[in-house]
Amino acid sequence: MASTDSTKPASAAGETGPATVTLATATALAVADMIGIGVFTSLGFQVRDLPTGFSVVTLWTVGGIVALCGALSYAELATALPRSGGEYNFLSRIYHPALGFLAGWISATVGFAAPVALAAMAFGDYFAGVFPGAPKLWLALASVWGVTLVLLSGAKPGALFTNVATFLKVALIVGLIICGLAFGTRQPISFAPSASDLSYIVSAPFAIGLMYVMYSYSGWNAATYIADEIKDPARTLPPALVAGVIIVMVLYVALNAVFLYTTPMERLAGQLNVGLVAGEHIFGAGGGRIVGGLICFGLISAITAMMWIGPRVTMVMGEDLSALSFFAKKSAGGVPARALVLQLGVATFLLLTQSFERVLEFVQFGLLSCSLLAVIGVIVLRIRQPHLPRPFRVWAYPLTPIIFGVVTLFILVYLVREKPVQSLAGLALMATGLVVFALSPKRPIKNR
């Protein structure tokens, strides 16, 4: 039976502590979580089948609009069902606690640890590109362990580190965009629409490219995972989610436009390290190192965001399930230290075994499914609980959640068709979560 309880669940009363996260930090967390390796790698595969500036810019714009639809939908859910945990909280209260546990199980096991390991390994690769001969694996491990030590020092130092790192990352990207326009050699490419662009936009390559663009935008929901730690979440969460997506969308569209503006398309086609290729064309022979350093810094910021968010999901699950109660406690500094160390251990294991890429492939199916169910939950909740207080209501309802749902469903269908083994593995992980949930004693949900 679906849960229709509209009361606020307990969040380990007395352990949550004062909310310290401001609007600026919540927005920075979303920006830091979104801007990772995707925007610096996917363009090379897009331009092979989308050979016009307008079609590529449209691709990144559409991806941003879909992410914005998701952020607006989550803003309504986060203010109507206030609690940390993201999809774990939403699905538990809209549908059934077992479904919420599935979402939390994925996040607590590999949902955040695998992207952390991937970003850390990319950090090692790019750092070695800037300083040849540097030990890639040790650099990857050092990045994750160093970030963890900063976060363990307390919630306030972690927030300060996130704010500063994200500000510098955005400033560096803006600087790269400005330098590209000021010093780059203009290529014979037009960003104005032409008659041929319509055929590209409705083509299969455009749809496939959108899947990878959406991965680059993943993280737009970051602030919902730490709702209990945000000051006045009813007022702060919606603008943080929306502002984060808009900032990243502007940066993504502008950065890809600059890459196309300064670098011959044939040089970008098929290249994984498009940032390095474009850097050489903007700044000369040593330009790749400049951009490589920029990417390294951006990856540290992304690792920080994911290492901050993931443990909060495990912590909230521990508040509801006795079997996971060990991870429910916070340190004196307001950090879920035990859950953070657990995620550090999983990420370290993935780095040492270098199995994170396979894990990341199969975990995407589960993560996308949970996001789809959460956004559809906006419509379900409107029907089931029309009088539930909603401090924020999604704009253009029901079109907004429908747009997100249709695009996400398309991506899921593509994943099942193109990567059936990984999709089945994702279902197996979810099934394992159901077993754990069934065997775990539950705590009664109390009102706050």
Protein backbone atom coordinates (compact mmCIF):
# COMPACT_ATOMS: atom_id res chain seq x y z
CA MET A 1 0.00 0.00 0.00
CA ALA A 2 1.36 3.42 -0.91
CA SER A 3 2.18 5.75 1.90
CA THR A 4 -0.13 8.75 2.10
CA ASP A 5 1.09 10.18 5.38
CA SER A 6 1.49 13.93 5.00
CA THR A 7 3.27 14.45 8.29
CA LYS A 8 6.95 15.16 8.53
CA PRO A 9 9.01 12.13 9.47
CA ALA A 10 11.45 12.24 12.30
CA SER A 11 15.00 13.11 11.48
CA ALA A 12 16.75 11.86 14.56
CA ALA A 13 15.51 14.63 16.79
CA GLY A 14 18.28 16.12 18.78
CA GLU A 15 20.91 14.87 16.31
CA THR A 16 20.11 17.03 13.31
CA GLY A 17 21.49 20.18 14.89
CA PRO A 18 21.08 23.72 13.64
CA ALA A 19 20.70 24.36 9.93
CA THR A 20 23.84 26.08 8.66
CA VAL A 21 23.65 25.84 4.85
CA THR A 22 22.80 29.14 3.19
CA LEU A 23 21.30 29.83 -0.23
CA ALA A 24 24.78 30.51 -1.61
CA THR A 25 26.14 27.18 -0.32
CA ALA A 26 23.12 25.19 -1.53
CA THR A 27 23.47 26.75 -4.99
CA ALA A 28 27.23 26.18 -5.00
CA LEU A 29 26.66 22.54 -4.09
CA ALA A 30 24.38 22.07 -7.10
CA VAL A 31 26.81 23.83 -9.43
CA ALA A 32 29.79 21.88 -8.08
CA ASP A 33 27.94 18.56 -8.43
CA MET A 34 26.92 19.27 -12.03
CA ILE A 35 30.14 20.64 -13.48
CA GLY A 36 32.41 17.63 -13.70
CA ILE A 37 34.08 15.75 -16.50
CA GLY A 38 31.06 15.49 -18.86
CA VAL A 39 31.20 18.96 -20.37
CA PHE A 40 34.90 18.57 -21.16
CA THR A 41 34.57 15.21 -22.93
CA SER A 42 31.26 14.72 -24.76
CA LEU A 43 31.46 17.40 -27.48
CA GLY A 44 33.90 15.36 -29.56
CA PHE A 45 31.33 12.60 -30.00
CA GLN A 46 28.46 14.99 -30.70
CA VAL A 47 30.05 16.88 -33.59
CA ARG A 48 30.62 13.69 -35.60
CA ASP A 49 26.88 13.49 -36.34
CA LEU A 50 25.77 17.05 -35.55
CA PRO A 51 28.06 19.14 -37.75
CA THR A 52 26.46 22.57 -37.20
CA GLY A 53 26.94 25.07 -34.44
CA PHE A 54 23.20 25.62 -34.01
CA SER A 55 22.37 21.93 -33.56
CA VAL A 56 25.09 21.45 -30.92
CA VAL A 57 24.10 24.57 -28.97
CA THR A 58 20.47 23.48 -29.17
CA LEU A 59 21.42 20.07 -27.77
CA TRP A 60 22.99 21.62 -24.66
CA THR A 61 20.11 24.10 -24.31
CA VAL A 62 17.49 21.35 -24.47
CA GLY A 63 19.43 19.36 -21.86
CA GLY A 64 19.43 22.40 -19.59
CA ILE A 65 15.68 22.91 -20.03
CA VAL A 66 14.99 19.28 -19.13
CA ALA A 67 17.22 19.58 -16.04
CA LEU A 68 15.37 22.78 -15.12
CA CYS A 69 12.06 20.90 -15.37
CA GLY A 70 13.46 18.31 -12.97
CA ALA A 71 14.74 20.98 -10.58
CA LEU A 72 11.37 22.76 -10.50
CA SER A 73 9.59 19.46 -9.82
CA TYR A 74 12.00 18.59 -7.00
CA ALA A 75 11.55 22.07 -5.54
CA GLU A 76 7.84 21.38 -5.05
CA LEU A 77 8.53 17.97 -3.54
CA ALA A 78 11.27 19.26 -1.25
CA THR A 79 9.05 21.99 0.20
CA ALA A 80 5.94 19.79 0.46
CA LEU A 81 7.84 16.82 1.96
CA PRO A 82 10.72 18.50 3.84
CA ARG A 83 13.52 16.19 4.90
CA SER A 84 17.03 15.30 3.79
CA GLY A 85 17.56 12.26 1.62
CA GLY A 86 16.38 13.27 -1.85
CA GLU A 87 14.65 10.39 -3.63
CA TYR A 88 14.79 8.21 -0.51
CA ASN A 89 12.53 10.70 1.25
CA PHE A 90 10.28 11.44 -1.74
CA LEU A 91 9.61 7.88 -2.88
CA SER A 92 9.10 6.61 0.68
CA ARG A 93 6.35 9.12 1.32
CA ILE A 94 4.71 9.25 -2.09
CA TYR A 95 4.65 5.53 -2.88
CA HIS A 96 5.99 3.15 -0.23
CA PRO A 97 9.00 2.99 2.13
CA ALA A 98 10.35 -0.01 0.20
CA LEU A 99 10.59 2.05 -2.99
CA GLY A 100 12.30 4.83 -1.12
CA PHE A 101 14.76 2.36 0.33
CA LEU A 102 15.65 1.20 -3.19
CA ALA A 103 16.65 4.75 -4.10
CA GLY A 104 18.62 5.15 -0.89
CA TRP A 105 20.24 1.73 -1.27
CA ILE A 106 21.61 2.67 -4.69
CA SER A 107 22.92 6.00 -3.39
CA ALA A 108 24.42 4.49 -0.24
CA THR A 109 26.25 1.69 -2.04
CA VAL A 110 27.64 2.94 -5.35
CA GLY A 111 25.37 5.76 -6.55
CA PHE A 112 27.76 8.43 -5.27
CA ALA A 113 30.93 6.41 -4.70
CA ALA A 114 31.24 5.38 -8.38
CA PRO A 115 31.02 8.95 -9.76
CA VAL A 116 33.48 10.04 -7.05
CA ALA A 117 35.94 7.34 -8.16
CA LEU A 118 35.46 8.26 -11.81
CA ALA A 119 36.08 11.95 -11.11
CA ALA A 120 39.13 11.11 -8.97
CA MET A 121 40.63 8.91 -11.68
CA ALA A 122 40.01 11.67 -14.22
CA PHE A 123 41.73 14.09 -11.83
CA GLY A 124 44.79 11.82 -11.82
CA ASP A 125 44.79 11.58 -15.62
CA TYR A 126 44.51 15.32 -16.18
CA PHE A 127 47.04 16.14 -13.46
CA ALA A 128 49.50 13.79 -15.14
CA GLY A 129 48.79 15.63 -18.38
CA VAL A 130 49.79 18.89 -16.74
CA PHE A 131 52.76 17.35 -14.91
CA PRO A 132 53.94 14.32 -16.92
CA GLY A 133 55.08 11.38 -14.85
CA ALA A 134 52.85 12.14 -11.86
CA PRO A 135 51.42 8.95 -10.25
CA LYS A 136 47.80 8.84 -11.44
CA LEU A 137 46.39 6.35 -8.94
CA TRP A 138 48.02 7.98 -5.93
CA LEU A 139 46.75 11.36 -7.08
CA ALA A 140 43.23 9.96 -7.44
CA LEU A 141 43.36 8.48 -3.94
CA ALA A 142 44.85 11.66 -2.50
CA SER A 143 42.05 13.79 -3.99
CA VAL A 144 39.31 11.68 -2.39
CA TRP A 145 41.05 11.29 0.97
CA GLY A 146 42.01 14.97 1.10
CA VAL A 147 38.45 16.11 0.42
CA THR A 148 37.15 13.67 3.03
CA LEU A 149 39.49 15.08 5.68
CA VAL A 150 38.22 18.59 4.95
CA LEU A 151 34.60 17.46 5.21
CA LEU A 152 35.26 15.53 8.43
CA SER A 153 36.53 18.72 10.04
CA GLY A 154 32.97 20.03 10.29
CA ALA A 155 29.93 21.25 8.35
CA LYS A 156 31.03 24.89 8.34
CA PRO A 157 34.56 24.25 6.98
CA GLY A 158 33.03 21.94 4.38
CA ALA A 159 30.56 24.63 3.33
CA LEU A 160 33.33 27.24 3.12
CA PHE A 161 35.52 24.90 1.06
CA THR A 162 32.61 24.16 -1.31
CA ASN A 163 31.76 27.84 -1.74
CA VAL A 164 35.34 28.89 -2.47
CA ALA A 165 36.10 25.95 -4.77
CA THR A 166 32.89 26.41 -6.74
CA PHE A 167 33.39 30.17 -7.08
CA LEU A 168 36.91 29.67 -8.38
CA LYS A 169 35.76 26.91 -10.76
CA VAL A 170 33.04 29.10 -12.24
CA ALA A 171 35.46 32.04 -12.47
CA LEU A 172 38.01 29.90 -14.31
CA ILE A 173 35.40 28.66 -16.78
CA VAL A 174 34.16 32.21 -17.38
CA GLY A 175 37.80 33.23 -17.90
CA LEU A 176 38.27 30.44 -20.44
CA ILE A 177 35.15 31.58 -22.30
CA ILE A 178 36.32 35.21 -22.36
CA CYS A 179 39.84 34.26 -23.45
CA GLY A 180 38.46 32.06 -26.21
CA LEU A 181 36.38 34.90 -27.60
CA ALA A 182 39.19 37.45 -27.20
CA PHE A 183 42.23 35.46 -28.35
CA GLY A 184 40.92 32.42 -30.19
CA THR A 185 41.01 32.19 -33.98
CA ARG A 186 37.46 32.22 -35.30
CA GLN A 187 36.49 29.13 -37.26
CA PRO A 188 34.13 29.11 -40.27
CA ILE A 189 31.10 28.07 -38.23
CA SER A 190 27.71 29.72 -37.81
CA PHE A 191 25.40 29.48 -34.83
CA ALA A 192 22.41 30.82 -36.75
CA PRO A 193 19.72 28.25 -37.66
CA SER A 194 19.67 26.93 -41.22
CA ALA A 195 17.33 24.72 -43.23
CA SER A 196 19.43 21.63 -42.50
CA ASP A 197 19.36 22.08 -38.72
CA LEU A 198 15.82 20.78 -38.34
CA SER A 199 16.82 17.41 -39.77
CA TYR A 200 19.70 17.20 -37.29
CA ILE A 201 17.54 18.15 -34.30
CA VAL A 202 14.97 15.41 -35.01
CA SER A 203 17.62 12.80 -35.80
CA ALA A 204 18.68 9.76 -33.76
CA PRO A 205 22.19 11.21 -33.10
CA PHE A 206 20.57 14.24 -31.46
CA ALA A 207 18.49 11.99 -29.21
CA ILE A 208 21.51 9.85 -28.34
CA GLY A 209 23.63 12.92 -27.69
CA LEU A 210 20.95 14.17 -25.31
CA MET A 211 21.53 11.13 -23.10
CA TYR A 212 25.15 12.12 -22.55
CA VAL A 213 24.24 15.78 -22.13
CA MET A 214 21.78 14.85 -19.40
CA TYR A 215 24.56 12.96 -17.65
CA SER A 216 26.59 16.19 -17.73
CA TYR A 217 23.67 17.97 -16.03
CA SER A 218 23.21 15.28 -13.37
CA GLY A 219 23.52 16.79 -9.90
CA TRP A 220 20.82 19.43 -10.35
CA ASN A 221 18.98 17.83 -7.42
CA ALA A 222 21.95 18.08 -5.02
CA ALA A 223 20.41 20.43 -2.46
CA THR A 224 17.44 18.12 -1.77
CA TYR A 225 19.78 15.56 -0.19
CA ILE A 226 20.71 17.98 2.63
CA ALA A 227 17.33 19.70 3.16
CA ASP A 228 17.55 19.42 6.97
CA GLU A 229 20.82 21.35 6.98
CA ILE A 230 19.52 24.26 4.88
CA LYS A 231 18.35 27.46 6.53
CA ASP A 232 14.63 28.08 5.87
CA PRO A 233 14.41 25.32 3.22
CA ALA A 234 10.93 26.34 2.05
CA ARG A 235 12.39 29.63 0.84
CA THR A 236 15.95 28.54 0.09
CA LEU A 237 15.63 25.22 -1.74
CA PRO A 238 13.61 26.35 -4.82
CA PRO A 239 15.91 29.26 -5.80
CA ALA A 240 19.00 27.14 -5.07
CA LEU A 241 17.84 24.34 -7.38
CA VAL A 242 16.70 26.69 -10.15
CA ALA A 243 19.70 29.04 -9.94
CA GLY A 244 22.12 26.12 -9.99
CA VAL A 245 20.67 24.75 -13.24
CA ILE A 246 20.49 28.16 -14.92
CA ILE A 247 24.10 28.99 -14.01
CA VAL A 248 25.36 25.67 -15.32
CA MET A 249 23.24 25.83 -18.48
CA VAL A 250 24.66 29.26 -19.37
CA LEU A 251 28.21 28.03 -18.71
CA TYR A 252 27.71 24.79 -20.68
CA VAL A 253 26.19 26.47 -23.73
CA ALA A 254 28.80 29.24 -23.75
CA LEU A 255 31.74 26.87 -23.21
CA ASN A 256 30.73 24.50 -26.00
CA ALA A 257 30.09 27.45 -28.30
CA VAL A 258 33.62 28.74 -27.56
CA PHE A 259 35.10 25.30 -28.25
CA LEU A 260 33.40 25.32 -31.66
CA TYR A 261 34.26 28.98 -32.27
CA THR A 262 37.99 28.49 -31.66
CA THR A 263 38.73 24.92 -32.75
CA PRO A 264 38.23 23.21 -36.15
CA MET A 265 35.38 20.73 -35.90
CA GLU A 266 37.44 17.99 -37.52
CA ARG A 267 39.99 18.36 -34.69
CA LEU A 268 37.25 17.92 -32.08
CA ALA A 269 35.46 15.01 -33.74
CA GLY A 270 35.99 11.75 -31.88
CA GLN A 271 38.23 13.32 -29.23
CA LEU A 272 37.64 12.57 -25.56
CA ASN A 273 39.80 15.42 -24.24
CA VAL A 274 38.14 18.25 -26.18
CA GLY A 275 39.08 20.70 -23.43
CA LEU A 276 42.78 20.07 -24.00
CA VAL A 277 42.40 20.27 -27.78
CA ALA A 278 40.52 23.58 -27.55
CA GLY A 279 43.04 24.91 -25.02
CA GLU A 280 45.89 24.39 -27.48
CA HIS A 281 44.01 26.36 -30.14
CA ILE A 282 43.15 29.21 -27.76
CA PHE A 283 46.42 29.61 -25.86
CA GLY A 284 48.96 27.92 -28.11
CA ALA A 285 51.13 24.85 -27.50
CA GLY A 286 50.97 25.14 -23.72
CA GLY A 287 47.25 25.81 -23.71
CA GLY A 288 46.39 22.21 -23.02
CA ARG A 289 48.13 22.46 -19.67
CA ILE A 290 46.14 25.55 -18.74
CA VAL A 291 42.85 23.86 -19.50
CA GLY A 292 44.06 20.65 -17.86
CA GLY A 293 44.70 22.58 -14.65
CA LEU A 294 41.23 24.10 -14.90
CA ILE A 295 39.65 20.67 -15.26
CA CYS A 296 41.66 19.33 -12.30
CA PHE A 297 40.35 22.09 -10.10
CA GLY A 298 36.80 21.53 -11.31
CA LEU A 299 37.03 17.84 -10.53
CA ILE A 300 38.09 18.53 -6.93
CA SER A 301 34.99 20.68 -6.54
CA ALA A 302 32.78 17.92 -7.99
CA ILE A 303 34.34 15.30 -5.68
CA THR A 304 33.63 17.57 -2.71
CA ALA A 305 29.96 17.93 -3.64
CA MET A 306 29.42 14.19 -4.07
CA MET A 307 31.32 13.30 -0.90
CA TRP A 308 29.15 15.78 0.98
CA ILE A 309 25.80 14.64 -0.43
CA GLY A 310 26.05 10.84 -0.51
CA PRO A 311 26.61 10.22 3.23
CA ARG A 312 23.51 12.30 4.07
CA VAL A 313 21.34 9.72 2.31
CA THR A 314 22.90 6.88 4.32
CA MET A 315 22.45 8.90 7.50
CA VAL A 316 18.73 9.48 6.90
CA MET A 317 18.23 5.79 6.11
CA GLY A 318 19.92 4.97 9.41
CA GLU A 319 17.36 7.12 11.21
CA ASP A 320 14.56 4.88 9.91
CA LEU A 321 16.17 1.42 9.83
CA SER A 322 17.69 -0.21 12.89
CA ALA A 323 20.08 -2.24 10.75
CA LEU A 324 21.67 1.00 9.51
CA SER A 325 21.42 2.99 12.77
CA PHE A 326 25.21 2.94 13.10
CA PHE A 327 25.38 5.48 10.26
CA ALA A 328 22.68 7.81 11.63
CA LYS A 329 24.84 9.76 14.07
CA LYS A 330 26.61 13.02 13.37
CA SER A 331 29.92 14.18 14.77
CA ALA A 332 30.25 17.19 17.04
CA GLY A 333 30.91 19.24 13.91
CA GLY A 334 27.57 18.26 12.35
CA VAL A 335 29.01 15.71 9.89
CA PRO A 336 27.69 12.15 9.34
CA ALA A 337 31.25 10.91 9.84
CA ARG A 338 30.49 7.19 9.83
CA ALA A 339 28.51 7.39 6.62
CA LEU A 340 31.23 9.57 5.09
CA VAL A 341 33.92 7.02 5.96
CA LEU A 342 31.75 4.27 4.44
CA GLN A 343 31.53 6.16 1.15
CA LEU A 344 35.26 6.84 1.27
CA GLY A 345 35.89 3.12 1.67
CA VAL A 346 33.70 2.18 -1.29
CA ALA A 347 35.26 4.86 -3.50
CA THR A 348 38.76 3.73 -2.47
CA PHE A 349 37.90 0.11 -3.27
CA LEU A 350 36.60 1.09 -6.72
CA LEU A 351 39.76 3.10 -7.40
CA LEU A 352 42.05 0.26 -6.36
CA THR A 353 40.13 -2.31 -8.41
CA GLN A 354 39.40 0.16 -11.25
CA SER A 355 35.93 -1.34 -11.63
CA PHE A 356 34.06 1.93 -11.23
CA GLU A 357 33.30 2.42 -14.94
CA ARG A 358 31.30 -0.80 -15.08
CA VAL A 359 29.59 0.09 -11.82
CA LEU A 360 28.74 3.54 -13.14
CA GLU A 361 27.18 2.07 -16.29
CA PHE A 362 24.76 -0.18 -14.45
CA VAL A 363 23.94 2.24 -11.64
CA GLN A 364 22.66 4.85 -14.12
CA PHE A 365 19.56 2.77 -14.83
CA GLY A 366 18.55 2.76 -11.18
CA LEU A 367 19.35 6.44 -10.59
CA LEU A 368 17.37 7.57 -13.63
CA SER A 369 14.45 5.35 -12.66
CA CYS A 370 14.34 6.91 -9.20
CA SER A 371 14.46 10.45 -10.61
CA LEU A 372 11.64 9.58 -13.03
CA LEU A 373 9.47 8.20 -10.22
CA ALA A 374 10.15 11.25 -8.07
CA VAL A 375 9.13 13.72 -10.77
CA ILE A 376 6.02 11.70 -11.65
CA GLY A 377 5.36 11.82 -7.92
CA VAL A 378 4.59 15.54 -8.26
CA ILE A 379 1.48 14.60 -10.28
CA VAL A 380 0.65 11.65 -8.00
CA LEU A 381 0.88 13.82 -4.90
CA ARG A 382 -1.26 16.57 -6.45
CA ILE A 383 -4.00 13.99 -7.09
CA ARG A 384 -3.67 12.05 -3.85
CA GLN A 385 -3.09 14.96 -1.46
CA PRO A 386 -4.46 18.12 -3.11
CA HIS A 387 -4.60 20.00 0.22
CA LEU A 388 -1.02 19.24 1.27
CA PRO A 389 0.77 22.55 2.00
CA ARG A 390 3.07 23.39 -0.90
CA PRO A 391 5.21 26.48 -0.23
CA PHE A 392 6.45 26.20 -3.81
CA ARG A 393 4.42 24.99 -6.79
CA VAL A 394 6.12 23.88 -9.97
CA TRP A 395 5.79 26.32 -12.84
CA ALA A 396 3.67 25.38 -15.87
CA TYR A 397 2.24 22.30 -14.17
CA PRO A 398 1.70 19.59 -15.45
CA LEU A 399 3.81 20.33 -18.54
CA THR A 400 7.04 20.68 -16.56
CA PRO A 401 7.09 17.19 -14.97
CA ILE A 402 5.76 15.66 -18.20
CA ILE A 403 8.67 17.07 -20.23
CA PHE A 404 11.19 15.66 -17.77
CA GLY A 405 9.35 12.34 -17.63
CA VAL A 406 9.19 11.85 -21.39
CA VAL A 407 12.89 12.61 -21.93
CA THR A 408 14.00 10.44 -19.01
CA LEU A 409 11.80 7.56 -20.16
CA PHE A 410 13.38 7.78 -23.61
CA ILE A 411 16.85 7.56 -22.07
CA LEU A 412 15.83 4.52 -20.01
CA VAL A 413 14.47 2.76 -23.08
CA TYR A 414 17.71 3.49 -24.93
CA LEU A 415 19.75 2.14 -22.01
CA VAL A 416 17.77 -1.12 -21.94
CA ARG A 417 18.14 -1.54 -25.69
CA GLU A 418 21.81 -0.63 -25.99
CA LYS A 419 23.12 -1.86 -22.61
CA PRO A 420 20.82 -4.74 -21.56
CA VAL A 421 23.42 -6.43 -19.35
CA GLN A 422 24.15 -3.26 -17.38
CA SER A 423 20.42 -2.51 -17.07
CA LEU A 424 19.73 -6.01 -15.74
CA ALA A 425 22.61 -5.60 -13.30
CA GLY A 426 21.01 -2.36 -12.13
CA LEU A 427 17.74 -4.20 -11.55
CA ALA A 428 19.67 -6.85 -9.61
CA LEU A 429 21.14 -4.17 -7.35
CA MET A 430 17.65 -2.82 -6.73
CA ALA A 431 16.38 -6.34 -5.96
CA THR A 432 19.18 -6.76 -3.43
CA GLY A 433 18.01 -3.57 -1.78
CA LEU A 434 14.50 -5.01 -1.48
CA VAL A 435 15.89 -8.05 0.32
CA VAL A 436 17.83 -5.88 2.75
CA PHE A 437 14.73 -3.75 3.37
CA ALA A 438 12.56 -6.81 4.01
CA LEU A 439 15.04 -8.21 6.55
CA SER A 440 15.67 -4.90 8.35
CA PRO A 441 13.63 -3.92 11.44
CA LYS A 442 11.91 -0.57 10.85
CA ARG A 443 11.56 2.27 13.26
CA PRO A 444 8.19 3.97 13.60
CA ILE A 445 7.88 7.25 11.76
CA LYS A 446 7.33 10.07 14.23
CA ASN A 447 6.24 13.64 13.76
CA ARG A 448 8.88 16.27 14.08
